[in-house]
Amino acid sequence: MLDKKGTPEQIQRVSVINDRQFDKLYMDICKENKLIRCPGCGKLISKRSEDGSKTIQHRGLKAIIREGEVILNCVHCGRALDFK
């Protein structure tokens, strides 16, 4: 179980970007092409930017983001993965 931490002020830091900004970020990550594969089945699950600050996950993944840590389930084999 995750402990609930933070205040409503932290949630207010979320911002909306336009489609052009999103597409640029997406293409930048795709160009860097640092692939992350599931250690269980070897299928591609994510791409991560070289500096590690941005990721693109496979469609259908359920993810938990906690204090800079990402926990997700592989959509292919179901294994729970923790990557930072």
Protein backbone atom coordinates (compact mmCIF):
# COMPACT_ATOMS: atom_id res chain seq x y z
CA MET A 1 0.00 0.00 0.00
CA LEU A 2 1.29 3.46 -0.85
CA ASP A 3 1.39 6.10 1.85
CA LYS A 4 -0.42 9.24 0.77
CA LYS A 5 1.98 12.15 0.87
CA GLY A 6 1.92 15.70 -0.31
CA THR A 7 -0.44 18.58 -0.35
CA PRO A 8 -2.90 19.91 -2.93
CA GLU A 9 -0.33 22.59 -3.79
CA GLN A 10 1.96 19.90 -5.26
CA ILE A 11 -0.79 18.72 -7.60
CA GLN A 12 -1.20 22.23 -8.98
CA ARG A 13 2.23 21.98 -10.64
CA VAL A 14 0.70 19.96 -13.48
CA SER A 15 0.57 21.95 -16.70
CA VAL A 16 -1.08 21.43 -20.05
CA ILE A 17 0.99 21.56 -23.22
CA ASN A 18 -0.25 21.87 -26.77
CA ASP A 19 -0.14 19.13 -29.41
CA ARG A 20 2.94 20.60 -31.11
CA GLN A 21 4.93 20.58 -27.85
CA PHE A 22 3.83 17.01 -27.14
CA ASP A 23 4.77 15.84 -30.65
CA LYS A 24 8.21 17.47 -30.36
CA LEU A 25 8.92 15.77 -27.01
CA TYR A 26 7.69 12.44 -28.41
CA MET A 27 9.89 12.72 -31.52
CA ASP A 28 12.94 13.73 -29.45
CA ILE A 29 12.57 10.62 -27.29
CA CYS A 30 12.03 8.41 -30.35
CA LYS A 31 15.21 9.78 -31.98
CA GLU A 32 17.27 9.02 -28.88
CA ASN A 33 15.91 5.47 -29.04
CA LYS A 34 17.13 4.15 -25.67
CA LEU A 35 14.94 1.05 -25.55
CA ILE A 36 13.79 -0.66 -22.37
CA ARG A 37 12.76 -4.29 -22.64
CA CYS A 38 11.01 -6.55 -20.14
CA PRO A 39 13.60 -8.81 -18.45
CA GLY A 40 11.00 -11.60 -18.37
CA CYS A 41 9.88 -11.83 -21.99
CA GLY A 42 12.24 -9.43 -23.79
CA LYS A 43 9.43 -7.41 -25.40
CA LEU A 44 9.80 -3.65 -25.88
CA ILE A 45 7.96 -1.81 -23.12
CA SER A 46 9.42 1.70 -23.10
CA LYS A 47 11.78 4.22 -24.61
CA ARG A 48 13.69 6.54 -22.32
CA SER A 49 15.52 9.76 -23.13
CA GLU A 50 19.30 9.73 -22.75
CA ASP A 51 19.13 11.94 -19.65
CA GLY A 52 16.48 9.64 -18.12
CA SER A 53 14.04 12.46 -17.50
CA LYS A 54 11.42 11.49 -20.11
CA THR A 55 9.89 8.16 -21.07
CA ILE A 56 7.36 6.76 -23.53
CA GLN A 57 5.65 3.62 -22.31
CA HIS A 58 3.97 0.97 -24.43
CA ARG A 59 0.23 1.42 -24.91
CA GLY A 60 -1.81 -0.47 -22.36
CA LEU A 61 0.68 -0.29 -19.50
CA LYS A 62 -0.57 0.43 -16.02
CA ALA A 63 2.00 2.56 -14.22
CA ILE A 64 2.55 3.83 -10.70
CA ILE A 65 4.81 6.86 -10.34
CA ARG A 66 6.18 7.32 -6.85
CA GLU A 67 8.92 9.80 -5.87
CA GLY A 68 10.73 9.54 -9.21
CA GLU A 69 10.26 5.76 -9.42
CA VAL A 70 8.07 4.08 -12.04
CA ILE A 71 6.45 0.69 -11.39
CA LEU A 72 4.56 -0.98 -14.22
CA ASN A 73 3.27 -4.30 -15.48
CA CYS A 74 4.52 -5.71 -18.80
CA VAL A 75 1.55 -5.92 -21.17
CA HIS A 76 3.04 -9.04 -22.76
CA CYS A 77 3.91 -11.33 -19.81
CA GLY A 78 2.36 -9.48 -16.84
CA ARG A 79 5.59 -9.23 -14.83
CA ALA A 80 5.71 -6.26 -12.42
CA LEU A 81 8.72 -4.08 -13.22
CA ASP A 82 10.39 -1.30 -11.30
CA PHE A 83 12.59 1.06 -13.28
CA LYS A 84 14.17 4.36 -12.38
